[in-house]
Amino acid sequence: QVQLVESGGGLVQPGGSLRLSCEHSENNFRFYTMGWYRQAPGKEREVVATLDTRGPIYYADSVKGRFTLSGERGRRVLYLQMTDLKPEDTAIYYCAFNPPGVVYWGQGTQVTVSS
């Protein structure tokens, strides 16, 4: 069972920055997708950014140029650097790890962008 532990959420003013971290307990898979999703109140969960071991990093149009996904394979940590945050970025952010046939989710971390 893969466990994902997220951290780094919080309250930030518009235009500010935050970095989210997702540490996963193990990775013995050769092929997988890993990334961040978010869910705002009253809305469906949506993809923010993902990386696939066999392809380029994907960013949602709403975050392109502002968010950066990166990882430290040796430490099994995935980061989401968020800059120029906007009120519409307010949501619970979830880390997901998706080897073939299964998806593991973290518990979520709240990001609130407000003045």
N, C-alpha and C. Protein backbone atom coordinates (compact mmCIF):
# COMPACT_ATOMS: atom_id res chain seq x y z
N GLN A 1 0.84 -1.19 0.00
CA GLN A 1 0.00 0.00 0.00
C GLN A 1 0.88 1.25 0.00
N VAL A 2 0.73 2.06 -1.02
CA VAL A 2 1.50 3.30 -1.12
C VAL A 2 0.82 4.37 -0.27
N GLN A 3 1.59 5.06 0.52
CA GLN A 3 1.06 6.17 1.32
C GLN A 3 1.64 7.48 0.82
N LEU A 4 0.80 8.48 0.74
CA LEU A 4 1.19 9.81 0.28
C LEU A 4 0.95 10.81 1.40
N VAL A 5 1.95 11.61 1.70
CA VAL A 5 1.83 12.61 2.76
C VAL A 5 2.10 13.97 2.15
N GLU A 6 1.08 14.84 2.20
CA GLU A 6 1.20 16.18 1.63
C GLU A 6 1.48 17.20 2.73
N SER A 7 2.13 18.28 2.33
CA SER A 7 2.34 19.39 3.24
C SER A 7 2.56 20.66 2.43
N GLY A 8 2.50 21.80 3.12
CA GLY A 8 2.82 23.07 2.48
C GLY A 8 1.66 23.98 2.19
N GLY A 9 0.44 23.55 2.44
CA GLY A 9 -0.70 24.43 2.20
C GLY A 9 -0.76 25.54 3.23
N GLY A 10 -1.71 26.45 3.03
CA GLY A 10 -1.86 27.54 3.97
C GLY A 10 -2.62 28.70 3.38
N LEU A 11 -2.57 29.82 4.09
CA LEU A 11 -3.24 31.05 3.67
C LEU A 11 -2.19 31.99 3.09
N VAL A 12 -2.48 32.53 1.91
CA VAL A 12 -1.54 33.44 1.26
C VAL A 12 -2.33 34.54 0.56
N GLN A 13 -1.73 35.69 0.44
CA GLN A 13 -2.38 36.81 -0.24
C GLN A 13 -2.27 36.64 -1.75
N PRO A 14 -3.18 37.24 -2.49
CA PRO A 14 -3.06 37.21 -3.95
C PRO A 14 -1.70 37.72 -4.41
N GLY A 15 -1.13 37.01 -5.38
CA GLY A 15 0.21 37.34 -5.85
C GLY A 15 1.32 36.63 -5.10
N GLY A 16 0.96 35.96 -4.03
CA GLY A 16 1.96 35.27 -3.22
C GLY A 16 2.32 33.90 -3.77
N SER A 17 3.16 33.19 -3.01
CA SER A 17 3.67 31.89 -3.45
C SER A 17 3.56 30.87 -2.32
N LEU A 18 3.43 29.62 -2.73
CA LEU A 18 3.48 28.50 -1.81
C LEU A 18 4.14 27.33 -2.52
N ARG A 19 4.73 26.43 -1.73
CA ARG A 19 5.24 25.20 -2.30
C ARG A 19 4.62 24.01 -1.58
N LEU A 20 3.97 23.18 -2.34
CA LEU A 20 3.39 21.96 -1.78
C LEU A 20 4.37 20.80 -1.98
N SER A 21 4.38 19.91 -1.00
CA SER A 21 5.23 18.72 -1.07
C SER A 21 4.39 17.47 -0.91
N CYS A 22 4.77 16.43 -1.61
CA CYS A 22 4.10 15.14 -1.49
C CYS A 22 5.18 14.08 -1.41
N GLU A 23 5.22 13.42 -0.26
CA GLU A 23 6.21 12.36 -0.08
C GLU A 23 5.49 11.01 -0.15
N HIS A 24 5.99 10.13 -0.98
CA HIS A 24 5.35 8.83 -1.10
C HIS A 24 6.24 7.74 -0.53
N SER A 25 5.57 6.73 0.04
CA SER A 25 6.27 5.75 0.87
C SER A 25 7.14 4.81 0.07
N GLU A 26 6.81 4.56 -1.18
CA GLU A 26 7.60 3.63 -1.96
C GLU A 26 7.29 3.81 -3.43
N ASN A 27 8.21 3.40 -4.24
CA ASN A 27 7.97 3.43 -5.68
C ASN A 27 8.79 2.34 -6.35
N ASN A 28 8.16 1.20 -6.50
CA ASN A 28 8.80 0.09 -7.18
C ASN A 28 8.27 -0.10 -8.59
N PHE A 29 7.60 0.94 -9.09
CA PHE A 29 6.98 0.85 -10.41
C PHE A 29 7.86 1.52 -11.45
N ARG A 30 7.97 0.89 -12.59
CA ARG A 30 8.76 1.45 -13.67
C ARG A 30 7.98 2.55 -14.38
N PHE A 31 6.70 2.34 -14.56
CA PHE A 31 5.85 3.30 -15.26
C PHE A 31 4.75 3.78 -14.32
N TYR A 32 4.57 5.07 -14.26
CA TYR A 32 3.51 5.62 -13.42
C TYR A 32 3.28 7.08 -13.79
N THR A 33 2.18 7.59 -13.31
CA THR A 33 1.88 9.02 -13.40
C THR A 33 1.73 9.53 -11.97
N MET A 34 2.22 10.72 -11.75
CA MET A 34 2.10 11.32 -10.43
C MET A 34 1.83 12.80 -10.60
N GLY A 35 1.03 13.35 -9.70
CA GLY A 35 0.74 14.77 -9.87
C GLY A 35 -0.15 15.33 -8.81
N TRP A 36 -0.64 16.52 -9.07
CA TRP A 36 -1.49 17.27 -8.16
C TRP A 36 -2.84 17.55 -8.80
N TYR A 37 -3.86 17.42 -7.99
CA TYR A 37 -5.22 17.75 -8.36
C TYR A 37 -5.78 18.70 -7.31
N ARG A 38 -6.88 19.36 -7.62
CA ARG A 38 -7.48 20.25 -6.63
C ARG A 38 -8.99 20.22 -6.74
N GLN A 39 -9.62 20.54 -5.62
CA GLN A 39 -11.08 20.58 -5.58
C GLN A 39 -11.52 21.79 -4.78
N ALA A 40 -12.19 22.70 -5.47
CA ALA A 40 -12.73 23.89 -4.82
C ALA A 40 -14.14 23.58 -4.32
N PRO A 41 -14.63 24.35 -3.35
CA PRO A 41 -15.98 24.10 -2.82
C PRO A 41 -17.04 24.14 -3.92
N GLY A 42 -17.86 23.11 -3.97
CA GLY A 42 -18.93 23.06 -4.94
C GLY A 42 -18.51 22.68 -6.35
N LYS A 43 -17.24 22.34 -6.51
CA LYS A 43 -16.74 21.98 -7.85
C LYS A 43 -16.16 20.58 -7.84
N GLU A 44 -16.01 20.03 -9.04
CA GLU A 44 -15.41 18.72 -9.16
C GLU A 44 -13.88 18.82 -9.06
N ARG A 45 -13.28 17.70 -8.69
CA ARG A 45 -11.82 17.65 -8.63
C ARG A 45 -11.26 17.80 -10.04
N GLU A 46 -10.21 18.59 -10.16
CA GLU A 46 -9.61 18.83 -11.47
C GLU A 46 -8.11 18.64 -11.40
N VAL A 47 -7.53 18.31 -12.53
CA VAL A 47 -6.09 18.13 -12.59
C VAL A 47 -5.40 19.49 -12.60
N VAL A 48 -4.29 19.57 -11.89
CA VAL A 48 -3.47 20.78 -11.88
C VAL A 48 -2.21 20.56 -12.71
N ALA A 49 -1.45 19.53 -12.38
CA ALA A 49 -0.22 19.23 -13.09
C ALA A 49 0.14 17.78 -12.82
N THR A 50 0.64 17.10 -13.86
CA THR A 50 1.04 15.71 -13.70
C THR A 50 2.31 15.44 -14.49
N LEU A 51 3.04 14.45 -14.02
CA LEU A 51 4.18 13.96 -14.78
C LEU A 51 4.00 12.47 -15.00
N ASP A 52 4.40 12.03 -16.17
CA ASP A 52 4.34 10.62 -16.52
C ASP A 52 5.75 10.17 -16.87
N THR A 53 6.10 8.99 -16.43
CA THR A 53 7.45 8.51 -16.67
C THR A 53 7.74 8.34 -18.17
N ARG A 54 6.70 8.33 -18.99
CA ARG A 54 6.89 8.13 -20.42
C ARG A 54 6.52 9.35 -21.25
N GLY A 55 6.36 10.52 -20.59
CA GLY A 55 5.96 11.69 -21.35
C GLY A 55 6.30 12.98 -20.65
N PRO A 56 5.92 14.10 -21.26
CA PRO A 56 6.24 15.40 -20.68
C PRO A 56 5.32 15.74 -19.50
N ILE A 57 5.67 16.77 -18.78
CA ILE A 57 4.83 17.27 -17.71
C ILE A 57 3.62 17.99 -18.32
N TYR A 58 2.46 17.74 -17.73
CA TYR A 58 1.22 18.38 -18.17
C TYR A 58 0.80 19.41 -17.14
N TYR A 59 0.39 20.58 -17.65
CA TYR A 59 -0.15 21.63 -16.78
C TYR A 59 -1.53 22.03 -17.29
N ALA A 60 -2.45 22.23 -16.38
CA ALA A 60 -3.74 22.80 -16.76
C ALA A 60 -3.52 24.22 -17.27
N ASP A 61 -4.33 24.63 -18.21
CA ASP A 61 -4.18 25.97 -18.79
C ASP A 61 -4.24 27.05 -17.73
N SER A 62 -5.04 26.83 -16.71
CA SER A 62 -5.23 27.86 -15.69
C SER A 62 -4.00 28.11 -14.83
N VAL A 63 -3.03 27.19 -14.86
CA VAL A 63 -1.85 27.35 -14.01
C VAL A 63 -0.56 27.46 -14.80
N LYS A 64 -0.62 27.33 -16.11
CA LYS A 64 0.59 27.41 -16.93
C LYS A 64 1.29 28.74 -16.72
N GLY A 65 2.61 28.65 -16.56
CA GLY A 65 3.40 29.85 -16.35
C GLY A 65 3.45 30.31 -14.90
N ARG A 66 2.61 29.73 -14.05
CA ARG A 66 2.59 30.12 -12.63
C ARG A 66 3.00 28.98 -11.71
N PHE A 67 2.67 27.77 -12.08
CA PHE A 67 2.97 26.60 -11.24
C PHE A 67 4.06 25.77 -11.91
N THR A 68 4.90 25.16 -11.08
CA THR A 68 5.96 24.29 -11.58
C THR A 68 5.99 22.99 -10.79
N LEU A 69 5.97 21.90 -11.52
CA LEU A 69 6.02 20.57 -10.92
C LEU A 69 7.44 20.05 -10.99
N SER A 70 7.93 19.50 -9.87
CA SER A 70 9.27 18.93 -9.88
C SER A 70 9.32 17.80 -8.87
N GLY A 71 10.36 16.99 -9.02
CA GLY A 71 10.46 15.85 -8.12
C GLY A 71 11.89 15.51 -7.78
N GLU A 72 12.03 14.82 -6.67
CA GLU A 72 13.33 14.30 -6.25
C GLU A 72 13.19 12.80 -6.15
N ARG A 73 13.58 12.11 -7.22
CA ARG A 73 13.35 10.67 -7.29
C ARG A 73 13.98 9.94 -6.11
N GLY A 74 15.21 10.31 -5.77
CA GLY A 74 15.90 9.62 -4.70
C GLY A 74 15.20 9.75 -3.36
N ARG A 75 14.50 10.87 -3.16
CA ARG A 75 13.80 11.09 -1.90
C ARG A 75 12.32 10.79 -2.02
N ARG A 76 11.87 10.42 -3.22
CA ARG A 76 10.45 10.12 -3.42
C ARG A 76 9.57 11.29 -3.01
N VAL A 77 9.91 12.47 -3.44
CA VAL A 77 9.14 13.67 -3.12
C VAL A 77 8.76 14.39 -4.40
N LEU A 78 7.52 14.83 -4.46
CA LEU A 78 7.02 15.61 -5.58
C LEU A 78 6.63 16.99 -5.06
N TYR A 79 7.08 18.02 -5.76
CA TYR A 79 6.78 19.39 -5.35
C TYR A 79 5.89 20.08 -6.36
N LEU A 80 5.09 20.99 -5.86
CA LEU A 80 4.34 21.90 -6.72
C LEU A 80 4.64 23.31 -6.24
N GLN A 81 5.46 24.02 -7.00
CA GLN A 81 5.76 25.41 -6.68
C GLN A 81 4.69 26.28 -7.32
N MET A 82 3.99 27.04 -6.50
CA MET A 82 2.90 27.88 -6.98
C MET A 82 3.26 29.34 -6.77
N THR A 83 3.25 30.12 -7.83
CA THR A 83 3.53 31.55 -7.76
C THR A 83 2.37 32.34 -8.34
N ASP A 84 2.37 33.64 -8.06
CA ASP A 84 1.32 34.53 -8.55
C ASP A 84 -0.06 33.92 -8.28
N LEU A 85 -0.26 33.51 -7.05
CA LEU A 85 -1.51 32.85 -6.70
C LEU A 85 -2.70 33.80 -6.79
N LYS A 86 -3.82 33.25 -7.20
CA LYS A 86 -5.05 34.02 -7.39
C LYS A 86 -6.15 33.45 -6.49
N PRO A 87 -7.15 34.24 -6.16
CA PRO A 87 -8.24 33.71 -5.32
C PRO A 87 -8.87 32.45 -5.91
N GLU A 88 -8.91 32.35 -7.22
CA GLU A 88 -9.51 31.17 -7.86
C GLU A 88 -8.65 29.91 -7.71
N ASP A 89 -7.46 30.06 -7.17
CA ASP A 89 -6.63 28.89 -6.87
C ASP A 89 -7.00 28.26 -5.53
N THR A 90 -7.87 28.91 -4.79
CA THR A 90 -8.28 28.38 -3.50
C THR A 90 -8.98 27.04 -3.66
N ALA A 91 -8.47 26.02 -2.96
CA ALA A 91 -8.99 24.67 -3.09
C ALA A 91 -8.24 23.75 -2.12
N ILE A 92 -8.74 22.54 -2.01
CA ILE A 92 -7.96 21.48 -1.37
C ILE A 92 -7.13 20.82 -2.48
N TYR A 93 -5.85 20.73 -2.25
CA TYR A 93 -4.94 20.16 -3.23
C TYR A 93 -4.59 18.73 -2.81
N TYR A 94 -4.72 17.82 -3.76
CA TYR A 94 -4.47 16.41 -3.50
C TYR A 94 -3.31 15.91 -4.37
N CYS A 95 -2.46 15.14 -3.75
CA CYS A 95 -1.41 14.45 -4.48
C CYS A 95 -1.94 13.09 -4.90
N ALA A 96 -1.57 12.64 -6.10
CA ALA A 96 -2.00 11.34 -6.59
C ALA A 96 -0.83 10.60 -7.20
N PHE A 97 -0.81 9.29 -6.95
CA PHE A 97 0.21 8.41 -7.51
C PHE A 97 -0.52 7.30 -8.24
N ASN A 98 -0.23 7.13 -9.52
CA ASN A 98 -1.03 6.28 -10.39
C ASN A 98 -0.16 5.32 -11.20
N PRO A 99 0.22 4.19 -10.57
CA PRO A 99 0.82 3.12 -11.38
C PRO A 99 -0.28 2.41 -12.16
N PRO A 100 0.05 1.52 -13.07
CA PRO A 100 -1.00 0.87 -13.87
C PRO A 100 -2.06 0.19 -13.02
N GLY A 101 -3.31 0.55 -13.26
CA GLY A 101 -4.42 -0.15 -12.63
C GLY A 101 -4.88 0.35 -11.29
N VAL A 102 -4.22 1.34 -10.73
CA VAL A 102 -4.62 1.80 -9.39
C VAL A 102 -4.22 3.25 -9.21
N VAL A 103 -4.98 3.98 -8.38
CA VAL A 103 -4.65 5.36 -8.04
C VAL A 103 -4.63 5.49 -6.53
N TYR A 104 -3.55 6.05 -6.03
CA TYR A 104 -3.45 6.34 -4.61
C TYR A 104 -3.56 7.85 -4.42
N TRP A 105 -4.31 8.26 -3.38
CA TRP A 105 -4.53 9.68 -3.10
C TRP A 105 -3.99 10.05 -1.73
N GLY A 106 -3.48 11.26 -1.63
CA GLY A 106 -3.13 11.79 -0.34
C GLY A 106 -4.36 12.33 0.36
N GLN A 107 -4.16 12.84 1.58
CA GLN A 107 -5.30 13.30 2.37
C GLN A 107 -5.75 14.71 2.00
N GLY A 108 -4.93 15.41 1.26
CA GLY A 108 -5.28 16.76 0.82
C GLY A 108 -4.69 17.82 1.74
N THR A 109 -4.39 18.97 1.16
CA THR A 109 -3.90 20.12 1.92
C THR A 109 -4.61 21.37 1.41
N GLN A 110 -5.08 22.19 2.34
CA GLN A 110 -5.87 23.37 1.98
C GLN A 110 -4.98 24.52 1.55
N VAL A 111 -5.31 25.11 0.43
CA VAL A 111 -4.67 26.34 -0.03
C VAL A 111 -5.75 27.40 -0.13
N THR A 112 -5.55 28.51 0.57
CA THR A 112 -6.50 29.62 0.55
C THR A 112 -5.77 30.87 0.12
N VAL A 113 -6.28 31.50 -0.93
CA VAL A 113 -5.70 32.73 -1.45
C VAL A 113 -6.70 33.85 -1.20
N SER A 114 -6.34 34.74 -0.28
CA SER A 114 -7.28 35.78 0.11
C SER A 114 -6.52 36.94 0.73
N SER A 115 -7.06 38.14 0.52
CA SER A 115 -6.47 39.31 1.14
C SER A 115 -7.16 39.62 2.45
